[in-house]
């Protein structure tokens, strides 16, 4: 079974940031959020991207794309699993680094 979780935050990561990925109350990984290109004249030129993938101890495969820009952060988490209940357990939290 595959599923996708998407999210965003309208606070641009001035000094970068990170996403915490949880299964229930257990933190399973941390993913870096890059700083956008603030010298860009246009939105499309301000976008920075990070990609990460990992497998947890139960064999679930996670692939995450993170985009940051001058208007905020977007992410897409693709999960491949045999556990039909996993989608209900996964959540993502965004935290910007302090200035």
PDB file of N, CA and C in Angstrom:
ATOM      1  N   UNK A   1       0.843  -1.174   0.000  1.00  0.00           N
ATOM      2  CA  UNK A   1       0.000   0.000   0.000  1.00  0.00           C
ATOM      3  C   UNK A   1       0.891   1.240   0.000  1.00  0.00           C
ATOM      4  N   UNK A   2       0.482   2.232  -0.771  1.00  0.00           N
ATOM      5  CA  UNK A   2       1.198   3.507  -0.808  1.00  0.00           C
ATOM      6  C   UNK A   2       0.229   4.624  -0.443  1.00  0.00           C
ATOM      7  N   UNK A   3       0.768   5.634   0.228  1.00  0.00           N
ATOM      8  CA  UNK A   3      -0.028   6.832   0.493  1.00  0.00           C
ATOM      9  C   UNK A   3       0.892   8.042   0.535  1.00  0.00           C
ATOM     10  N   UNK A   4       0.298   9.220   0.370  1.00  0.00           N
ATOM     11  CA  UNK A   4       1.046  10.476   0.345  1.00  0.00           C
ATOM     12  C   UNK A   4       0.425  11.453   1.329  1.00  0.00           C
ATOM     13  N   UNK A   5       1.282  12.090   2.109  1.00  0.00           N
ATOM     14  CA  UNK A   5       0.867  13.175   2.999  1.00  0.00           C
ATOM     15  C   UNK A   5       1.515  14.454   2.492  1.00  0.00           C
ATOM     16  N   UNK A   6       0.745  15.526   2.427  1.00  0.00           N
ATOM     17  CA  UNK A   6       1.264  16.808   1.977  1.00  0.00           C
ATOM     18  C   UNK A   6       0.977  17.863   3.029  1.00  0.00           C
ATOM     19  N   UNK A   7       1.843  18.860   3.087  1.00  0.00           N
ATOM     20  CA  UNK A   7       1.627  19.934   4.035  1.00  0.00           C
ATOM     21  C   UNK A   7       2.381  21.177   3.627  1.00  0.00           C
ATOM     22  N   UNK A   8       2.104  22.264   4.338  1.00  0.00           N
ATOM     23  CA  UNK A   8       2.806  23.517   4.073  1.00  0.00           C
ATOM     24  C   UNK A   8       2.707  24.416   5.290  1.00  0.00           C
ATOM     25  N   UNK A   9       3.528  25.437   5.263  1.00  0.00           N
ATOM     26  CA  UNK A   9       3.521  26.461   6.302  1.00  0.00           C
ATOM     27  C   UNK A   9       3.881  27.765   5.615  1.00  0.00           C
ATOM     28  N   UNK A  10       3.192  28.831   5.956  1.00  0.00           N
ATOM     29  CA  UNK A  10       3.413  30.110   5.284  1.00  0.00           C
ATOM     30  C   UNK A  10       4.561  30.920   5.879  1.00  0.00           C
ATOM     31  N   UNK A  11       5.295  30.353   6.853  1.00  0.00           N
ATOM     32  CA  UNK A  11       6.426  31.072   7.431  1.00  0.00           C
ATOM     33  C   UNK A  11       7.718  30.658   6.711  1.00  0.00           C
ATOM     34  N   UNK A  12       8.327  31.562   5.929  1.00  0.00           N
ATOM     35  CA  UNK A  12       9.573  31.212   5.247  1.00  0.00           C
ATOM     36  C   UNK A  12      10.680  30.887   6.251  1.00  0.00           C
ATOM     37  N   UNK A  13      11.488  29.875   5.963  1.00  0.00           N
ATOM     38  CA  UNK A  13      12.569  29.492   6.872  1.00  0.00           C
ATOM     39  C   UNK A  13      13.793  30.381   6.663  1.00  0.00           C
ATOM     40  N   UNK A  14      13.810  31.542   7.286  1.00  0.00           N
ATOM     41  CA  UNK A  14      14.891  32.515   7.114  1.00  0.00           C
ATOM     42  C   UNK A  14      16.254  31.858   7.341  1.00  0.00           C
ATOM     43  N   UNK A  15      16.388  31.097   8.408  1.00  0.00           N
ATOM     44  CA  UNK A  15      17.645  30.410   8.740  1.00  0.00           C
ATOM     45  C   UNK A  15      17.499  28.898   8.597  1.00  0.00           C
ATOM     46  N   UNK A  16      16.644  28.456   7.693  1.00  0.00           N
ATOM     47  CA  UNK A  16      16.404  27.023   7.543  1.00  0.00           C
ATOM     48  C   UNK A  16      15.464  26.531   8.628  1.00  0.00           C
ATOM     49  N   UNK A  17      15.315  25.246   8.690  1.00  0.00           N
ATOM     50  CA  UNK A  17      14.436  24.649   9.686  1.00  0.00           C
ATOM     51  C   UNK A  17      14.480  23.145   9.573  1.00  0.00           C
ATOM     52  N   UNK A  18      13.471  22.497  10.120  1.00  0.00           N
ATOM     53  CA  UNK A  18      13.429  21.040  10.067  1.00  0.00           C
ATOM     54  C   UNK A  18      11.997  20.550  10.194  1.00  0.00           C
ATOM     55  N   UNK A  19      11.770  19.357   9.659  1.00  0.00           N
ATOM     56  CA  UNK A  19      10.498  18.664   9.797  1.00  0.00           C
ATOM     57  C   UNK A  19      10.708  17.484  10.721  1.00  0.00           C
ATOM     58  N   UNK A  20       9.833  17.316  11.679  1.00  0.00           N
ATOM     59  CA  UNK A  20       9.833  16.141  12.546  1.00  0.00           C
ATOM     60  C   UNK A  20       8.740  15.212  12.036  1.00  0.00           C
ATOM     61  N   UNK A  21       9.087  13.958  11.814  1.00  0.00           N
ATOM     62  CA  UNK A  21       8.107  12.974  11.368  1.00  0.00           C
ATOM     63  C   UNK A  21       7.855  12.013  12.517  1.00  0.00           C
ATOM     64  N   UNK A  22       6.583  11.872  12.860  1.00  0.00           N
ATOM     65  CA  UNK A  22       6.167  11.042  13.996  1.00  0.00           C
ATOM     66  C   UNK A  22       5.305   9.871  13.536  1.00  0.00           C
ATOM     67  N   UNK A  23       5.438   8.749  14.245  1.00  0.00           N
ATOM     68  CA  UNK A  23       4.474   7.650  14.182  1.00  0.00           C
ATOM     69  C   UNK A  23       3.857   7.599  15.571  1.00  0.00           C
ATOM     70  N   UNK A  24       2.598   8.024  15.671  1.00  0.00           N
ATOM     71  CA  UNK A  24       1.982   8.181  16.984  1.00  0.00           C
ATOM     72  C   UNK A  24       2.719   9.271  17.735  1.00  0.00           C
ATOM     73  N   UNK A  25       3.207   8.963  18.926  1.00  0.00           N
ATOM     74  CA  UNK A  25       3.973   9.944  19.708  1.00  0.00           C
ATOM     75  C   UNK A  25       5.478   9.747  19.567  1.00  0.00           C
ATOM     76  N   UNK A  26       5.902   8.762  18.766  1.00  0.00           N
ATOM     77  CA  UNK A  26       7.325   8.451  18.592  1.00  0.00           C
ATOM     78  C   UNK A  26       7.906   9.205  17.395  1.00  0.00           C
ATOM     79  N   UNK A  27       8.962   9.974  17.639  1.00  0.00           N
ATOM     80  CA  UNK A  27       9.662  10.660  16.556  1.00  0.00           C
ATOM     81  C   UNK A  27      10.486   9.630  15.793  1.00  0.00           C
ATOM     82  N   UNK A  28      10.271   9.527  14.471  1.00  0.00           N
ATOM     83  CA  UNK A  28      11.013   8.517  13.712  1.00  0.00           C
ATOM     84  C   UNK A  28      12.141   9.104  12.875  1.00  0.00           C
ATOM     85  N   UNK A  29      12.085  10.398  12.544  1.00  0.00           N
ATOM     86  CA  UNK A  29      13.217  11.027  11.858  1.00  0.00           C
ATOM     87  C   UNK A  29      13.064  12.547  11.847  1.00  0.00           C
ATOM     88  N   UNK A  30      14.165  13.211  11.499  1.00  0.00           N
ATOM     89  CA  UNK A  30      14.204  14.665  11.329  1.00  0.00           C
ATOM     90  C   UNK A  30      14.722  14.939   9.921  1.00  0.00           C
ATOM     91  N   UNK A  31      14.055  15.838   9.202  1.00  0.00           N
ATOM     92  CA  UNK A  31      14.441  16.184   7.837  1.00  0.00           C
ATOM     93  C   UNK A  31      14.744  17.677   7.781  1.00  0.00           C
ATOM     94  N   UNK A  32      15.852  18.028   7.169  1.00  0.00           N
ATOM     95  CA  UNK A  32      16.278  19.420   7.060  1.00  0.00           C
ATOM     96  C   UNK A  32      15.423  20.193   6.056  1.00  0.00           C
ATOM     97  N   UNK A  33      15.094  21.430   6.419  1.00  0.00           N
ATOM     98  CA  UNK A  33      14.403  22.355   5.520  1.00  0.00           C
ATOM     99  C   UNK A  33      15.424  23.418   5.119  1.00  0.00           C
ATOM    100  N   UNK A  34      15.733  23.534   3.824  1.00  0.00           N
ATOM    101  CA  UNK A  34      16.736  24.514   3.401  1.00  0.00           C
ATOM    102  C   UNK A  34      16.199  25.940   3.444  1.00  0.00           C
ATOM    103  N   UNK A  35      17.102  26.891   3.518  1.00  0.00           N
ATOM    104  CA  UNK A  35      16.715  28.299   3.404  1.00  0.00           C
ATOM    105  C   UNK A  35      16.462  28.614   1.935  1.00  0.00           C
ATOM    106  N   UNK A  36      15.469  29.431   1.644  1.00  0.00           N
ATOM    107  CA  UNK A  36      15.233  29.817   0.251  1.00  0.00           C
ATOM    108  C   UNK A  36      16.256  30.852  -0.204  1.00  0.00           C
ATOM    109  N   UNK A  37      16.259  31.122  -1.489  1.00  0.00           N
ATOM    110  CA  UNK A  37      17.124  32.146  -2.056  1.00  0.00           C
ATOM    111  C   UNK A  37      16.400  33.488  -1.939  1.00  0.00           C
ATOM    112  N   UNK A  38      16.735  34.258  -0.921  1.00  0.00           N
ATOM    113  CA  UNK A  38      16.039  35.517  -0.672  1.00  0.00           C
ATOM    114  C   UNK A  38      16.488  36.649  -1.589  1.00  0.00           C
ATOM    115  N   UNK A  39      17.539  36.446  -2.352  1.00  0.00           N
ATOM    116  CA  UNK A  39      17.977  37.483  -3.285  1.00  0.00           C
ATOM    117  C   UNK A  39      17.266  37.370  -4.628  1.00  0.00           C
ATOM    118  N   UNK A  40      16.431  36.361  -4.788  1.00  0.00           N
ATOM    119  CA  UNK A  40      15.717  36.153  -6.052  1.00  0.00           C
ATOM    120  C   UNK A  40      14.646  37.224  -6.254  1.00  0.00           C
ATOM    121  N   UNK A  41      14.455  37.617  -7.500  1.00  0.00           N
ATOM    122  CA  UNK A  41      13.424  38.599  -7.839  1.00  0.00           C
ATOM    123  C   UNK A  41      12.047  37.966  -7.962  1.00  0.00           C
ATOM    124  N   UNK A  42      12.015  36.691  -8.321  1.00  0.00           N
ATOM    125  CA  UNK A  42      10.739  36.008  -8.545  1.00  0.00           C
ATOM    126  C   UNK A  42      10.616  34.800  -7.627  1.00  0.00           C
ATOM    127  N   UNK A  43       9.352  34.418  -7.379  1.00  0.00           N
ATOM    128  CA  UNK A  43       9.073  33.251  -6.535  1.00  0.00           C
ATOM    129  C   UNK A  43       9.826  32.023  -7.032  1.00  0.00           C
ATOM    130  N   UNK A  44       9.693  31.708  -8.314  1.00  0.00           N
ATOM    131  CA  UNK A  44      10.282  30.466  -8.839  1.00  0.00           C
ATOM    132  C   UNK A  44      11.800  30.423  -8.680  1.00  0.00           C
ATOM    133  N   UNK A  45      12.432  31.585  -8.640  1.00  0.00           N
ATOM    134  CA  UNK A  45      13.881  31.628  -8.456  1.00  0.00           C
ATOM    135  C   UNK A  45      14.280  31.534  -6.985  1.00  0.00           C
ATOM    136  N   UNK A  46      13.317  31.681  -6.085  1.00  0.00           N
ATOM    137  CA  UNK A  46      13.626  31.636  -4.651  1.00  0.00           C
ATOM    138  C   UNK A  46      13.548  30.220  -4.070  1.00  0.00           C
ATOM    139  N   UNK A  47      13.035  29.261  -4.845  1.00  0.00           N
ATOM    140  CA  UNK A  47      12.777  27.908  -4.337  1.00  0.00           C
ATOM    141  C   UNK A  47      14.070  27.112  -4.148  1.00  0.00           C
ATOM    142  N   UNK A  48      14.206  26.508  -2.963  1.00  0.00           N
ATOM    143  CA  UNK A  48      15.275  25.548  -2.653  1.00  0.00           C
ATOM    144  C   UNK A  48      14.596  24.232  -2.317  1.00  0.00           C
ATOM    145  N   UNK A  49      15.240  23.115  -2.668  1.00  0.00           N
ATOM    146  CA  UNK A  49      14.621  21.804  -2.461  1.00  0.00           C
ATOM    147  C   UNK A  49      15.553  20.871  -1.700  1.00  0.00           C
ATOM    148  N   UNK A  50      14.952  20.017  -0.893  1.00  0.00           N
ATOM    149  CA  UNK A  50      15.678  18.952  -0.201  1.00  0.00           C
ATOM    150  C   UNK A  50      14.890  17.663  -0.389  1.00  0.00           C
ATOM    151  N   UNK A  51      15.603  16.563  -0.634  1.00  0.00           N
ATOM    152  CA  UNK A  51      14.982  15.245  -0.763  1.00  0.00           C
ATOM    153  C   UNK A  51      15.664  14.308   0.217  1.00  0.00           C
ATOM    154  N   UNK A  52      14.876  13.471   0.868  1.00  0.00           N
ATOM    155  CA  UNK A  52      15.440  12.480   1.791  1.00  0.00           C
ATOM    156  C   UNK A  52      14.588  11.223   1.719  1.00  0.00           C
ATOM    157  N   UNK A  53      15.210  10.086   1.999  1.00  0.00           N
ATOM    158  CA  UNK A  53      14.473   8.825   2.072  1.00  0.00           C
ATOM    159  C   UNK A  53      15.057   8.000   3.202  1.00  0.00           C
ATOM    160  N   UNK A  54      14.206   7.172   3.802  1.00  0.00           N
ATOM    161  CA  UNK A  54      14.658   6.309   4.888  1.00  0.00           C
ATOM    162  C   UNK A  54      13.684   5.156   5.038  1.00  0.00           C
ATOM    163  N   UNK A  55      14.123   4.141   5.752  1.00  0.00           N
ATOM    164  CA  UNK A  55      13.299   2.980   6.066  1.00  0.00           C
ATOM    165  C   UNK A  55      13.300   2.808   7.574  1.00  0.00           C
ATOM    166  N   UNK A  56      12.118   2.585   8.165  1.00  0.00           N
ATOM    167  CA  UNK A  56      12.067   2.392   9.610  1.00  0.00           C
ATOM    168  C   UNK A  56      12.314   0.928   9.968  1.00  0.00           C
ATOM    169  N   UNK A  57      12.322   0.647  11.265  1.00  0.00           N
ATOM    170  CA  UNK A  57      12.649  -0.703  11.740  1.00  0.00           C
ATOM    171  C   UNK A  57      11.602  -1.742  11.346  1.00  0.00           C
ATOM    172  N   UNK A  58      10.437  -1.297  10.890  1.00  0.00           N
ATOM    173  CA  UNK A  58       9.377  -2.225  10.477  1.00  0.00           C
ATOM    174  C   UNK A  58       9.343  -2.425   8.969  1.00  0.00           C
ATOM    175  N   UNK A  59      10.323  -1.850   8.263  1.00  0.00           N
ATOM    176  CA  UNK A  59      10.413  -2.021   6.817  1.00  0.00           C
ATOM    177  C   UNK A  59       9.571  -1.060   5.999  1.00  0.00           C
ATOM    178  N   UNK A  60       8.971  -0.065   6.626  1.00  0.00           N
ATOM    179  CA  UNK A  60       8.203   0.945   5.901  1.00  0.00           C
ATOM    180  C   UNK A  60       9.175   1.900   5.216  1.00  0.00           C
ATOM    181  N   UNK A  61       8.898   2.237   3.965  1.00  0.00           N
ATOM    182  CA  UNK A  61       9.773   3.121   3.200  1.00  0.00           C
ATOM    183  C   UNK A  61       9.157   4.511   3.100  1.00  0.00           C
ATOM    184  N   UNK A  62       9.976   5.527   3.384  1.00  0.00           N
ATOM    185  CA  UNK A  62       9.537   6.918   3.389  1.00  0.00           C
ATOM    186  C   UNK A  62      10.400   7.718   2.417  1.00  0.00           C
ATOM    187  N   UNK A  63       9.771   8.535   1.581  1.00  0.00           N
ATOM    188  CA  UNK A  63      10.460   9.457   0.683  1.00  0.00           C
ATOM    189  C   UNK A  63       9.831  10.827   0.880  1.00  0.00           C
ATOM    190  N   UNK A  64      10.664  11.830   1.152  1.00  0.00           N
ATOM    191  CA  UNK A  64      10.116  13.165   1.410  1.00  0.00           C
ATOM    192  C   UNK A  64      10.829  14.211   0.567  1.00  0.00           C
ATOM    193  N   UNK A  65      10.039  15.092  -0.026  1.00  0.00           N
ATOM    194  CA  UNK A  65      10.522  16.266  -0.736  1.00  0.00           C
ATOM    195  C   UNK A  65      10.090  17.488   0.051  1.00  0.00           C
ATOM    196  N   UNK A  66      11.023  18.424   0.221  1.00  0.00           N
ATOM    197  CA  UNK A  66      10.751  19.667   0.945  1.00  0.00           C
ATOM    198  C   UNK A  66      11.172  20.826   0.048  1.00  0.00           C
ATOM    199  N   UNK A  67      10.273  21.779  -0.152  1.00  0.00           N
ATOM    200  CA  UNK A  67      10.575  22.975  -0.922  1.00  0.00           C
ATOM    201  C   UNK A  67      10.386  24.184  -0.025  1.00  0.00           C
ATOM    202  N   UNK A  68      11.364  25.079  -0.023  1.00  0.00           N
ATOM    203  CA  UNK A  68      11.201  26.335   0.708  1.00  0.00           C
ATOM    204  C   UNK A  68      11.339  27.479  -0.292  1.00  0.00           C
ATOM    205  N   UNK A  69      10.622  28.545  -0.027  1.00  0.00           N
ATOM    206  CA  UNK A  69      10.644  29.702  -0.920  1.00  0.00           C
ATOM    207  C   UNK A  69      10.392  30.957  -0.097  1.00  0.00           C
ATOM    208  N   UNK A  70      10.326  32.083  -0.789  1.00  0.00           N
ATOM    209  CA  UNK A  70      10.075  33.337  -0.087  1.00  0.00           C
ATOM    210  C   UNK A  70       8.638  33.451   0.420  1.00  0.00           C
ATOM    211  N   UNK A  71       7.786  32.461   0.134  1.00  0.00           N
ATOM    212  CA  UNK A  71       6.407  32.484   0.642  1.00  0.00           C
ATOM    213  C   UNK A  71       6.115  31.350   1.625  1.00  0.00           C
ATOM    214  N   UNK A  72       7.114  30.520   1.949  1.00  0.00           N
ATOM    215  CA  UNK A  72       6.897  29.468   2.941  1.00  0.00           C
ATOM    216  C   UNK A  72       7.535  28.145   2.585  1.00  0.00           C
ATOM    217  N   UNK A  73       7.007  27.079   3.187  1.00  0.00           N
ATOM    218  CA  UNK A  73       7.551  25.725   3.056  1.00  0.00           C
ATOM    219  C   UNK A  73       6.430  24.784   2.627  1.00  0.00           C
ATOM    220  N   UNK A  74       6.746  23.890   1.690  1.00  0.00           N
ATOM    221  CA  UNK A  74       5.822  22.833   1.264  1.00  0.00           C
ATOM    222  C   UNK A  74       6.548  21.506   1.373  1.00  0.00           C
ATOM    223  N   UNK A  75       5.814  20.441   1.688  1.00  0.00           N
ATOM    224  CA  UNK A  75       6.429  19.118   1.729  1.00  0.00           C
ATOM    225  C   UNK A  75       5.446  18.056   1.255  1.00  0.00           C
ATOM    226  N   UNK A  76       6.037  16.980   0.714  1.00  0.00           N
ATOM    227  CA  UNK A  76       5.282  15.809   0.279  1.00  0.00           C
ATOM    228  C   UNK A  76       5.995  14.589   0.821  1.00  0.00           C
ATOM    229  N   UNK A  77       5.282  13.771   1.579  1.00  0.00           N
ATOM    230  CA  UNK A  77       5.824  12.547   2.166  1.00  0.00           C
ATOM    231  C   UNK A  77       5.119  11.357   1.526  1.00  0.00           C
ATOM    232  N   UNK A  78       5.879  10.533   0.781  1.00  0.00           N
ATOM    233  CA  UNK A  78       5.355   9.315   0.168  1.00  0.00           C
ATOM    234  C   UNK A  78       5.779   8.135   1.020  1.00  0.00           C
ATOM    235  N   UNK A  79       4.825   7.273   1.356  1.00  0.00           N
ATOM    236  CA  UNK A  79       5.091   6.131   2.234  1.00  0.00           C
ATOM    237  C   UNK A  79       4.637   4.854   1.540  1.00  0.00           C
ATOM    238  N   UNK A  80       5.502   3.834   1.589  1.00  0.00           N
ATOM    239  CA  UNK A  80       5.154   2.508   1.086  1.00  0.00           C
ATOM    240  C   UNK A  80       5.202   1.552   2.264  1.00  0.00           C
ATOM    241  N   UNK A  81       4.086   0.837   2.499  1.00  0.00           N
ATOM    242  CA  UNK A  81       3.962   0.007   3.691  1.00  0.00           C
ATOM    243  C   UNK A  81       3.025  -1.172   3.452  1.00  0.00           C
ATOM    244  N   UNK A  82       3.123  -2.153   4.316  1.00  0.00           N
ATOM    245  CA  UNK A  82       2.173  -3.269   4.343  1.00  0.00           C
ATOM    246  C   UNK A  82       1.140  -3.062   5.457  1.00  0.00           C
ATOM    247  N   UNK A  83       1.349  -2.050   6.294  1.00  0.00           N
ATOM    248  CA  UNK A  83       0.490  -1.763   7.446  1.00  0.00           C
ATOM    249  C   UNK A  83      -0.652  -0.833   7.036  1.00  0.00           C
ATOM    250  N   UNK A  84      -1.867  -1.346   7.012  1.00  0.00           N
ATOM    251  CA  UNK A  84      -3.028  -0.559   6.596  1.00  0.00           C
ATOM    252  C   UNK A  84      -3.381   0.558   7.573  1.00  0.00           C
ATOM    253  N   UNK A  85      -2.865   0.519   8.789  1.00  0.00           N
ATOM    254  CA  UNK A  85      -3.197   1.539   9.792  1.00  0.00           C
ATOM    255  C   UNK A  85      -2.138   2.637   9.895  1.00  0.00           C
ATOM    256  N   UNK A  86      -1.043   2.501   9.153  1.00  0.00           N
ATOM    257  CA  UNK A  86       0.071   3.445   9.299  1.00  0.00           C
ATOM    258  C   UNK A  86      -0.318   4.875   8.925  1.00  0.00           C
ATOM    259  N   UNK A  87      -1.132   5.052   7.902  1.00  0.00           N
ATOM    260  CA  UNK A  87      -1.491   6.403   7.451  1.00  0.00           C
ATOM    261  C   UNK A  87      -2.122   7.229   8.571  1.00  0.00           C
ATOM    262  N   UNK A  88      -2.887   6.587   9.430  1.00  0.00           N
ATOM    263  CA  UNK A  88      -3.534   7.279  10.546  1.00  0.00           C
ATOM    264  C   UNK A  88      -2.542   7.665  11.642  1.00  0.00           C
ATOM    265  N   UNK A  89      -1.367   7.031  11.658  1.00  0.00           N
ATOM    266  CA  UNK A  89      -0.397   7.232  12.728  1.00  0.00           C
ATOM    267  C   UNK A  89       0.679   8.266  12.401  1.00  0.00           C
ATOM    268  N   UNK A  90       0.892   8.566  11.118  1.00  0.00           N
ATOM    269  CA  UNK A  90       1.991   9.437  10.702  1.00  0.00           C
ATOM    270  C   UNK A  90       1.550  10.895  10.722  1.00  0.00           C
ATOM    271  N   UNK A  91       2.424  11.753  11.254  1.00  0.00           N
ATOM    272  CA  UNK A  91       2.194  13.201  11.199  1.00  0.00           C
ATOM    273  C   UNK A  91       3.537  13.902  11.042  1.00  0.00           C
ATOM    274  N   UNK A  92       3.486  15.109  10.490  1.00  0.00           N
ATOM    275  CA  UNK A  92       4.687  15.898  10.219  1.00  0.00           C
ATOM    276  C   UNK A  92       4.531  17.256  10.883  1.00  0.00           C
ATOM    277  N   UNK A  93       5.587  17.705  11.578  1.00  0.00           N
ATOM    278  CA  UNK A  93       5.607  19.036  12.207  1.00  0.00           C
ATOM    279  C   UNK A  93       6.765  19.839  11.631  1.00  0.00           C
ATOM    280  N   UNK A  94       6.500  21.092  11.291  1.00  0.00           N
ATOM    281  CA  UNK A  94       7.541  21.991  10.795  1.00  0.00           C
ATOM    282  C   UNK A  94       7.998  22.917  11.914  1.00  0.00           C
ATOM    283  N   UNK A  95       9.317  23.092  12.016  1.00  0.00           N
ATOM    284  CA  UNK A  95       9.909  24.021  12.980  1.00  0.00           C
ATOM    285  C   UNK A  95      10.964  24.854  12.257  1.00  0.00           C
ATOM    286  N   UNK A  96      10.808  26.167  12.294  1.00  0.00           N
ATOM    287  CA  UNK A  96      11.816  27.061  11.723  1.00  0.00           C
ATOM    288  C   UNK A  96      12.935  27.250  12.739  1.00  0.00           C
ATOM    289  N   UNK A  97      14.165  27.372  12.249  1.00  0.00           N
ATOM    290  CA  UNK A  97      15.284  27.679  13.141  1.00  0.00           C
ATOM    291  C   UNK A  97      15.157  29.118  13.630  1.00  0.00           C
ATOM    292  N   UNK A  98      15.732  29.382  14.789  1.00  0.00           N
ATOM    293  CA  UNK A  98      15.748  30.750  15.320  1.00  0.00           C
ATOM    294  C   UNK A  98      16.606  31.622  14.416  1.00  0.00           C
ATOM    295  N   UNK A  99      16.311  32.907  14.365  1.00  0.00           N
ATOM    296  CA  UNK A  99      17.047  33.839  13.505  1.00  0.00           C
ATOM    297  C   UNK A  99      18.439  34.053  13.995  1.00  0.00           C
TER     298      UNK A  99
END
